[in-house]
PDB file of N, CA and C in Angstrom:
ATOM      1  N   UNK A   1      14.670 -20.113 -41.745  1.00  0.00           N
ATOM      2  CA  UNK A   1      13.841 -21.955 -41.970  1.00  0.00           C
ATOM      3  C   UNK A   1      13.252 -22.063 -40.457  1.00  0.00           C
ATOM      4  N   UNK A   2      12.154 -22.091 -40.282  1.00  0.00           N
ATOM      5  CA  UNK A   2      12.069 -22.486 -38.469  1.00  0.00           C
ATOM      6  C   UNK A   2      12.339 -23.896 -38.303  1.00  0.00           C
ATOM      7  N   UNK A   3      12.481 -23.784 -37.099  1.00  0.00           N
ATOM      8  CA  UNK A   3      13.327 -25.166 -36.672  1.00  0.00           C
ATOM      9  C   UNK A   3      12.228 -26.191 -36.794  1.00  0.00           C
ATOM     10  N   UNK A   4      11.059 -25.864 -36.670  1.00  0.00           N
ATOM     11  CA  UNK A   4       9.991 -27.054 -36.959  1.00  0.00           C
ATOM     12  C   UNK A   4      10.079 -27.313 -38.544  1.00  0.00           C
ATOM     13  N   UNK A   5      10.179 -26.565 -39.315  1.00  0.00           N
ATOM     14  CA  UNK A   5      10.789 -26.640 -41.002  1.00  0.00           C
ATOM     15  C   UNK A   5      11.782 -27.332 -40.817  1.00  0.00           C
ATOM     16  N   UNK A   6      12.415 -26.757 -40.575  1.00  0.00           N
ATOM     17  CA  UNK A   6      14.087 -27.389 -40.966  1.00  0.00           C
ATOM     18  C   UNK A   6      14.007 -29.221 -40.252  1.00  0.00           C
ATOM     19  N   UNK A   7      13.435 -29.525 -39.225  1.00  0.00           N
ATOM     20  CA  UNK A   7      13.401 -30.560 -38.512  1.00  0.00           C
ATOM     21  C   UNK A   7      12.645 -31.560 -40.071  1.00  0.00           C
ATOM     22  N   UNK A   8      11.512 -31.048 -40.381  1.00  0.00           N
ATOM     23  CA  UNK A   8      10.769 -31.660 -41.183  1.00  0.00           C
ATOM     24  C   UNK A   8      11.451 -32.041 -42.558  1.00  0.00           C
ATOM     25  N   UNK A   9      12.071 -30.959 -42.932  1.00  0.00           N
ATOM     26  CA  UNK A   9      12.902 -31.222 -44.254  1.00  0.00           C
ATOM     27  C   UNK A   9      13.884 -32.391 -43.831  1.00  0.00           C
ATOM     28  N   UNK A  10      14.823 -32.064 -43.405  1.00  0.00           N
ATOM     29  CA  UNK A  10      15.701 -33.263 -42.853  1.00  0.00           C
ATOM     30  C   UNK A  10      15.090 -34.337 -42.708  1.00  0.00           C
ATOM     31  N   UNK A  11      13.666 -34.508 -41.852  1.00  0.00           N
ATOM     32  CA  UNK A  11      13.552 -35.857 -41.802  1.00  0.00           C
ATOM     33  C   UNK A  11      12.666 -36.337 -43.187  1.00  0.00           C
ATOM     34  N   UNK A  12      12.605 -35.700 -44.232  1.00  0.00           N
ATOM     35  CA  UNK A  12      12.419 -36.029 -45.377  1.00  0.00           C
ATOM     36  C   UNK A  12      10.409 -36.286 -45.113  1.00  0.00           C
ATOM     37  N   UNK A  13      10.035 -35.679 -43.990  1.00  0.00           N
ATOM     38  CA  UNK A  13       8.627 -35.577 -44.119  1.00  0.00           C
ATOM     39  C   UNK A  13       7.860 -34.288 -44.911  1.00  0.00           C
ATOM     40  N   UNK A  14       6.742 -34.313 -44.716  1.00  0.00           N
ATOM     41  CA  UNK A  14       6.105 -32.940 -45.351  1.00  0.00           C
ATOM     42  C   UNK A  14       6.935 -31.662 -44.852  1.00  0.00           C
ATOM     43  N   UNK A  15       7.135 -30.661 -46.153  1.00  0.00           N
ATOM     44  CA  UNK A  15       7.655 -29.622 -45.687  1.00  0.00           C
ATOM     45  C   UNK A  15       6.593 -28.561 -45.111  1.00  0.00           C
ATOM     46  N   UNK A  16       5.419 -28.552 -45.325  1.00  0.00           N
ATOM     47  CA  UNK A  16       4.611 -27.637 -44.700  1.00  0.00           C
ATOM     48  C   UNK A  16       2.865 -28.235 -44.759  1.00  0.00           C
ATOM     49  N   UNK A  17       2.238 -27.094 -44.028  1.00  0.00           N
ATOM     50  CA  UNK A  17       1.420 -27.946 -43.724  1.00  0.00           C
ATOM     51  C   UNK A  17       0.162 -28.504 -44.488  1.00  0.00           C
ATOM     52  N   UNK A  18       0.728 -28.184 -45.983  1.00  0.00           N
ATOM     53  CA  UNK A  18      -0.300 -28.307 -46.980  1.00  0.00           C
ATOM     54  C   UNK A  18       0.089 -29.897 -47.533  1.00  0.00           C
ATOM     55  N   UNK A  19       1.364 -30.368 -46.705  1.00  0.00           N
ATOM     56  CA  UNK A  19       1.746 -32.154 -46.970  1.00  0.00           C
ATOM     57  C   UNK A  19       3.056 -31.964 -48.224  1.00  0.00           C
ATOM     58  N   UNK A  20       3.356 -30.497 -48.665  1.00  0.00           N
ATOM     59  CA  UNK A  20       4.431 -30.806 -49.646  1.00  0.00           C
ATOM     60  C   UNK A  20       5.428 -31.275 -49.313  1.00  0.00           C
ATOM     61  N   UNK A  21       5.899 -32.703 -50.110  1.00  0.00           N
ATOM     62  CA  UNK A  21       7.078 -33.277 -50.027  1.00  0.00           C
ATOM     63  C   UNK A  21       8.366 -32.530 -50.647  1.00  0.00           C
ATOM     64  N   UNK A  22       9.460 -33.095 -50.427  1.00  0.00           N
ATOM     65  CA  UNK A  22      10.881 -32.441 -51.060  1.00  0.00           C
ATOM     66  C   UNK A  22      10.907 -32.057 -52.616  1.00  0.00           C
ATOM     67  N   UNK A  23      10.163 -33.413 -53.198  1.00  0.00           N
ATOM     68  CA  UNK A  23      10.168 -33.724 -54.570  1.00  0.00           C
ATOM     69  C   UNK A  23       9.163 -32.475 -55.563  1.00  0.00           C
ATOM     70  N   UNK A  24       8.128 -32.344 -54.281  1.00  0.00           N
ATOM     71  CA  UNK A  24       7.011 -31.287 -54.886  1.00  0.00           C
ATOM     72  C   UNK A  24       7.489 -29.734 -54.444  1.00  0.00           C
ATOM     73  N   UNK A  25       8.158 -29.731 -53.624  1.00  0.00           N
ATOM     74  CA  UNK A  25       8.596 -28.423 -53.154  1.00  0.00           C
ATOM     75  C   UNK A  25       9.838 -27.623 -54.191  1.00  0.00           C
ATOM     76  N   UNK A  26      10.465 -28.986 -54.468  1.00  0.00           N
ATOM     77  CA  UNK A  26      11.514 -28.797 -55.642  1.00  0.00           C
ATOM     78  C   UNK A  26      11.116 -28.167 -56.811  1.00  0.00           C
ATOM     79  N   UNK A  27       9.936 -28.949 -57.648  1.00  0.00           N
ATOM     80  CA  UNK A  27       8.493 -28.399 -58.750  1.00  0.00           C
ATOM     81  C   UNK A  27       8.726 -27.066 -58.430  1.00  0.00           C
ATOM     82  N   UNK A  28       7.928 -26.750 -57.391  1.00  0.00           N
ATOM     83  CA  UNK A  28       7.286 -25.349 -57.015  1.00  0.00           C
ATOM     84  C   UNK A  28       8.272 -24.349 -57.549  1.00  0.00           C
ATOM     85  N   UNK A  29       9.612 -24.723 -56.828  1.00  0.00           N
ATOM     86  CA  UNK A  29      10.648 -23.777 -56.970  1.00  0.00           C
ATOM     87  C   UNK A  29      11.195 -23.592 -58.909  1.00  0.00           C
ATOM     88  N   UNK A  30      11.186 -24.913 -59.471  1.00  0.00           N
ATOM     89  CA  UNK A  30      11.688 -24.709 -60.920  1.00  0.00           C
ATOM     90  C   UNK A  30      10.617 -24.087 -61.712  1.00  0.00           C
ATOM     91  N   UNK A  31       9.225 -24.240 -61.290  1.00  0.00           N
ATOM     92  CA  UNK A  31       7.978 -23.590 -61.921  1.00  0.00           C
ATOM     93  C   UNK A  31       8.475 -22.282 -62.021  1.00  0.00           C
ATOM     94  N   UNK A  32       8.623 -22.029 -60.459  1.00  0.00           N
ATOM     95  CA  UNK A  32       8.796 -20.360 -60.383  1.00  0.00           C
ATOM     96  C   UNK A  32       9.614 -19.794 -61.084  1.00  0.00           C
ATOM     97  N   UNK A  33      10.941 -20.150 -61.146  1.00  0.00           N
ATOM     98  CA  UNK A  33      12.036 -20.130 -61.844  1.00  0.00           C
ATOM     99  C   UNK A  33      11.872 -19.887 -63.234  1.00  0.00           C
ATOM    100  N   UNK A  34      11.421 -20.763 -63.606  1.00  0.00           N
ATOM    101  CA  UNK A  34      11.209 -21.015 -65.099  1.00  0.00           C
ATOM    102  C   UNK A  34      10.572 -20.423 -65.921  1.00  0.00           C
ATOM    103  N   UNK A  35       9.130 -19.959 -65.084  1.00  0.00           N
ATOM    104  CA  UNK A  35       8.063 -19.253 -65.403  1.00  0.00           C
ATOM    105  C   UNK A  35       8.182 -17.617 -65.243  1.00  0.00           C
ATOM    106  N   UNK A  36       8.881 -17.483 -63.921  1.00  0.00           N
ATOM    107  CA  UNK A  36       8.758 -15.977 -63.503  1.00  0.00           C
ATOM    108  C   UNK A  36      10.288 -15.521 -63.348  1.00  0.00           C
ATOM    109  N   UNK A  37      11.244 -15.946 -63.600  1.00  0.00           N
ATOM    110  CA  UNK A  37      12.478 -15.485 -63.401  1.00  0.00           C
ATOM    111  C   UNK A  37      13.536 -15.586 -64.894  1.00  0.00           C
ATOM    112  N   UNK A  38      13.103 -16.046 -65.661  1.00  0.00           N
ATOM    113  CA  UNK A  38      13.680 -16.509 -66.995  1.00  0.00           C
ATOM    114  C   UNK A  38      14.612 -17.706 -66.662  1.00  0.00           C
ATOM    115  N   UNK A  39      14.080 -18.740 -65.689  1.00  0.00           N
ATOM    116  CA  UNK A  39      14.983 -20.004 -65.816  1.00  0.00           C
ATOM    117  C   UNK A  39      16.598 -19.672 -65.204  1.00  0.00           C
ATOM    118  N   UNK A  40      16.256 -18.443 -64.399  1.00  0.00           N
ATOM    119  CA  UNK A  40      17.642 -17.948 -63.737  1.00  0.00           C
ATOM    120  C   UNK A  40      17.754 -18.371 -62.443  1.00  0.00           C
ATOM    121  N   UNK A  41      18.637 -18.898 -61.608  1.00  0.00           N
ATOM    122  CA  UNK A  41      18.432 -19.365 -60.330  1.00  0.00           C
ATOM    123  C   UNK A  41      19.042 -18.041 -59.822  1.00  0.00           C
ATOM    124  N   UNK A  42      20.073 -17.400 -60.183  1.00  0.00           N
ATOM    125  CA  UNK A  42      20.502 -16.224 -59.789  1.00  0.00           C
ATOM    126  C   UNK A  42      19.436 -15.237 -59.239  1.00  0.00           C
ATOM    127  N   UNK A  43      18.350 -15.026 -60.160  1.00  0.00           N
ATOM    128  CA  UNK A  43      17.222 -13.949 -59.927  1.00  0.00           C
ATOM    129  C   UNK A  43      16.299 -14.511 -58.939  1.00  0.00           C
ATOM    130  N   UNK A  44      16.076 -16.119 -58.941  1.00  0.00           N
ATOM    131  CA  UNK A  44      15.012 -16.639 -57.901  1.00  0.00           C
ATOM    132  C   UNK A  44      15.664 -16.135 -56.621  1.00  0.00           C
ATOM    133  N   UNK A  45      17.012 -16.207 -56.622  1.00  0.00           N
ATOM    134  CA  UNK A  45      17.807 -16.312 -55.273  1.00  0.00           C
ATOM    135  C   UNK A  45      17.371 -14.789 -54.851  1.00  0.00           C
ATOM    136  N   UNK A  46      17.840 -13.811 -55.313  1.00  0.00           N
ATOM    137  CA  UNK A  46      17.555 -12.567 -55.191  1.00  0.00           C
ATOM    138  C   UNK A  46      15.987 -12.368 -54.787  1.00  0.00           C
ATOM    139  N   UNK A  47      14.981 -12.799 -55.516  1.00  0.00           N
ATOM    140  CA  UNK A  47      13.289 -12.596 -55.289  1.00  0.00           C
ATOM    141  C   UNK A  47      13.278 -13.288 -53.647  1.00  0.00           C
ATOM    142  N   UNK A  48      13.799 -14.540 -53.413  1.00  0.00           N
ATOM    143  CA  UNK A  48      13.719 -15.347 -52.273  1.00  0.00           C
ATOM    144  C   UNK A  48      14.538 -14.981 -51.077  1.00  0.00           C
ATOM    145  N   UNK A  49      15.408 -13.881 -51.332  1.00  0.00           N
ATOM    146  CA  UNK A  49      16.444 -13.432 -50.466  1.00  0.00           C
ATOM    147  C   UNK A  49      17.506 -14.592 -49.775  1.00  0.00           C
ATOM    148  N   UNK A  50      17.969 -15.612 -50.462  1.00  0.00           N
ATOM    149  CA  UNK A  50      18.749 -16.739 -50.630  1.00  0.00           C
ATOM    150  C   UNK A  50      20.005 -16.496 -51.234  1.00  0.00           C
ATOM    151  N   UNK A  51      20.857 -17.230 -50.624  1.00  0.00           N
ATOM    152  CA  UNK A  51      22.062 -17.312 -51.636  1.00  0.00           C
ATOM    153  C   UNK A  51      21.726 -17.983 -53.003  1.00  0.00           C
ATOM    154  N   UNK A  52      22.712 -17.753 -54.066  1.00  0.00           N
ATOM    155  CA  UNK A  52      22.015 -18.368 -55.423  1.00  0.00           C
ATOM    156  C   UNK A  52      22.548 -19.733 -55.320  1.00  0.00           C
ATOM    157  N   UNK A  53      23.796 -20.028 -54.446  1.00  0.00           N
ATOM    158  CA  UNK A  53      24.378 -21.132 -54.480  1.00  0.00           C
ATOM    159  C   UNK A  53      23.665 -22.108 -53.625  1.00  0.00           C
ATOM    160  N   UNK A  54      22.512 -21.633 -52.855  1.00  0.00           N
ATOM    161  CA  UNK A  54      21.096 -22.411 -51.843  1.00  0.00           C
ATOM    162  C   UNK A  54      20.244 -22.670 -53.198  1.00  0.00           C
ATOM    163  N   UNK A  55      19.828 -21.829 -53.777  1.00  0.00           N
ATOM    164  CA  UNK A  55      19.091 -22.342 -54.835  1.00  0.00           C
ATOM    165  C   UNK A  55      19.468 -23.316 -55.656  1.00  0.00           C
ATOM    166  N   UNK A  56      20.971 -23.540 -56.320  1.00  0.00           N
ATOM    167  CA  UNK A  56      21.503 -24.529 -56.882  1.00  0.00           C
ATOM    168  C   UNK A  56      21.400 -26.043 -55.923  1.00  0.00           C
ATOM    169  N   UNK A  57      21.375 -25.712 -55.081  1.00  0.00           N
ATOM    170  CA  UNK A  57      21.617 -26.982 -53.878  1.00  0.00           C
ATOM    171  C   UNK A  57      20.027 -27.444 -53.966  1.00  0.00           C
ATOM    172  N   UNK A  58      19.117 -26.431 -53.673  1.00  0.00           N
ATOM    173  CA  UNK A  58      17.918 -27.250 -53.931  1.00  0.00           C
ATOM    174  C   UNK A  58      17.343 -27.928 -55.120  1.00  0.00           C
ATOM    175  N   UNK A  59      17.673 -27.073 -56.035  1.00  0.00           N
ATOM    176  CA  UNK A  59      17.138 -27.770 -57.531  1.00  0.00           C
ATOM    177  C   UNK A  59      18.204 -28.871 -57.698  1.00  0.00           C
ATOM    178  N   UNK A  60      18.977 -29.371 -57.150  1.00  0.00           N
ATOM    179  CA  UNK A  60      19.741 -30.531 -57.541  1.00  0.00           C
ATOM    180  C   UNK A  60      19.690 -31.381 -56.272  1.00  0.00           C
ATOM    181  N   UNK A  61      18.567 -31.076 -55.372  1.00  0.00           N
ATOM    182  CA  UNK A  61      18.270 -32.109 -54.151  1.00  0.00           C
ATOM    183  C   UNK A  61      19.509 -31.958 -53.025  1.00  0.00           C
ATOM    184  N   UNK A  62      20.388 -31.443 -53.227  1.00  0.00           N
ATOM    185  CA  UNK A  62      21.589 -31.470 -52.347  1.00  0.00           C
ATOM    186  C   UNK A  62      21.135 -30.670 -50.829  1.00  0.00           C
ATOM    187  N   UNK A  63      20.167 -29.858 -51.044  1.00  0.00           N
ATOM    188  CA  UNK A  63      19.916 -29.277 -49.769  1.00  0.00           C
ATOM    189  C   UNK A  63      18.261 -29.488 -49.746  1.00  0.00           C
ATOM    190  N   UNK A  64      18.017 -29.607 -48.556  1.00  0.00           N
ATOM    191  CA  UNK A  64      16.457 -29.731 -48.474  1.00  0.00           C
ATOM    192  C   UNK A  64      15.857 -28.541 -48.657  1.00  0.00           C
ATOM    193  N   UNK A  65      14.503 -28.341 -48.724  1.00  0.00           N
ATOM    194  CA  UNK A  65      13.616 -26.981 -49.282  1.00  0.00           C
ATOM    195  C   UNK A  65      13.346 -26.804 -48.314  1.00  0.00           C
ATOM    196  N   UNK A  66      12.854 -25.846 -47.022  1.00  0.00           N
ATOM    197  CA  UNK A  66      12.169 -25.639 -46.191  1.00  0.00           C
ATOM    198  C   UNK A  66      10.825 -24.722 -46.297  1.00  0.00           C
ATOM    199  N   UNK A  67      10.087 -25.038 -45.362  1.00  0.00           N
ATOM    200  CA  UNK A  67       8.947 -24.413 -45.527  1.00  0.00           C
ATOM    201  C   UNK A  67       8.489 -22.835 -45.817  1.00  0.00           C
ATOM    202  N   UNK A  68       9.728 -21.942 -45.075  1.00  0.00           N
ATOM    203  CA  UNK A  68       9.491 -20.813 -45.730  1.00  0.00           C
ATOM    204  C   UNK A  68      10.133 -20.444 -46.883  1.00  0.00           C
ATOM    205  N   UNK A  69      10.964 -20.983 -47.327  1.00  0.00           N
ATOM    206  CA  UNK A  69      11.234 -21.117 -48.687  1.00  0.00           C
ATOM    207  C   UNK A  69       9.713 -21.247 -49.720  1.00  0.00           C
ATOM    208  N   UNK A  70       9.225 -22.230 -49.639  1.00  0.00           N
ATOM    209  CA  UNK A  70       7.605 -22.405 -50.122  1.00  0.00           C
ATOM    210  C   UNK A  70       6.867 -21.752 -49.830  1.00  0.00           C
ATOM    211  N   UNK A  71       6.528 -21.155 -48.259  1.00  0.00           N
ATOM    212  CA  UNK A  71       5.543 -20.114 -48.470  1.00  0.00           C
ATOM    213  C   UNK A  71       5.811 -18.958 -49.290  1.00  0.00           C
ATOM    214  N   UNK A  72       7.382 -18.519 -49.256  1.00  0.00           N
ATOM    215  CA  UNK A  72       7.709 -17.192 -49.957  1.00  0.00           C
ATOM    216  C   UNK A  72       7.648 -17.687 -51.898  1.00  0.00           C
ATOM    217  N   UNK A  73       7.855 -18.624 -52.118  1.00  0.00           N
ATOM    218  CA  UNK A  73       7.625 -19.149 -53.485  1.00  0.00           C
ATOM    219  C   UNK A  73       6.187 -18.805 -53.851  1.00  0.00           C
ATOM    220  N   UNK A  74       5.209 -19.410 -52.971  1.00  0.00           N
ATOM    221  CA  UNK A  74       4.143 -19.324 -53.205  1.00  0.00           C
ATOM    222  C   UNK A  74       3.309 -18.027 -53.250  1.00  0.00           C
ATOM    223  N   UNK A  75       3.578 -17.050 -52.298  1.00  0.00           N
ATOM    224  CA  UNK A  75       3.889 -15.394 -52.280  1.00  0.00           C
ATOM    225  C   UNK A  75       3.928 -15.021 -53.619  1.00  0.00           C
ATOM    226  N   UNK A  76       5.062 -15.150 -54.024  1.00  0.00           N
ATOM    227  CA  UNK A  76       5.637 -14.491 -55.271  1.00  0.00           C
ATOM    228  C   UNK A  76       4.993 -14.844 -56.400  1.00  0.00           C
ATOM    229  N   UNK A  77       4.597 -16.181 -56.473  1.00  0.00           N
ATOM    230  CA  UNK A  77       3.796 -16.468 -57.722  1.00  0.00           C
ATOM    231  C   UNK A  77       2.437 -16.248 -57.607  1.00  0.00           C
ATOM    232  N   UNK A  78       1.564 -15.487 -56.406  1.00  0.00           N
ATOM    233  CA  UNK A  78       0.435 -15.330 -56.297  1.00  0.00           C
ATOM    234  C   UNK A  78       0.627 -13.885 -56.686  1.00  0.00           C
ATOM    235  N   UNK A  79       1.613 -13.057 -56.284  1.00  0.00           N
ATOM    236  CA  UNK A  79       1.850 -11.849 -56.562  1.00  0.00           C
ATOM    237  C   UNK A  79       1.996 -11.342 -58.066  1.00  0.00           C
ATOM    238  N   UNK A  80       2.559 -12.358 -58.789  1.00  0.00           N
ATOM    239  CA  UNK A  80       3.067 -12.079 -60.175  1.00  0.00           C
ATOM    240  C   UNK A  80       2.275 -12.789 -60.965  1.00  0.00           C
ATOM    241  N   UNK A  81       1.277 -13.715 -60.184  1.00  0.00           N
ATOM    242  CA  UNK A  81       0.421 -14.340 -61.168  1.00  0.00           C
ATOM    243  C   UNK A  81       0.787 -15.459 -62.283  1.00  0.00           C
ATOM    244  N   UNK A  82       1.657 -16.123 -61.414  1.00  0.00           N
ATOM    245  CA  UNK A  82       2.447 -17.527 -62.279  1.00  0.00           C
ATOM    246  C   UNK A  82       1.792 -18.713 -61.770  1.00  0.00           C
ATOM    247  N   UNK A  83       1.085 -19.322 -62.269  1.00  0.00           N
ATOM    248  CA  UNK A  83       0.904 -20.459 -61.954  1.00  0.00           C
ATOM    249  C   UNK A  83       1.916 -21.569 -61.582  1.00  0.00           C
ATOM    250  N   UNK A  84       2.075 -22.083 -60.369  1.00  0.00           N
ATOM    251  CA  UNK A  84       3.079 -23.007 -59.802  1.00  0.00           C
ATOM    252  C   UNK A  84       2.923 -24.234 -59.403  1.00  0.00           C
ATOM    253  N   UNK A  85       1.533 -24.269 -59.260  1.00  0.00           N
ATOM    254  CA  UNK A  85       1.265 -25.652 -58.869  1.00  0.00           C
ATOM    255  C   UNK A  85      -0.324 -26.249 -59.509  1.00  0.00           C
TER     256      UNK A  85
END
């Protein structure tokens, strides 16, 4: 996570330059997981290069979603032709 993205995520402000907030970021990840990875947190974690525990924490709102993850999710969705937004 970029330092700026981490600070934005923790502050509750927009996660990225598109103005994506935490609720929207979690929704993007959930749609990607459900539509592209058979609803599996573990498979999504592998695709994002993050631990499955972290994906679960994002989904439950325990840990903030950072800008790097949102950008990766959008890239994966584009590559796999999955509608997430």
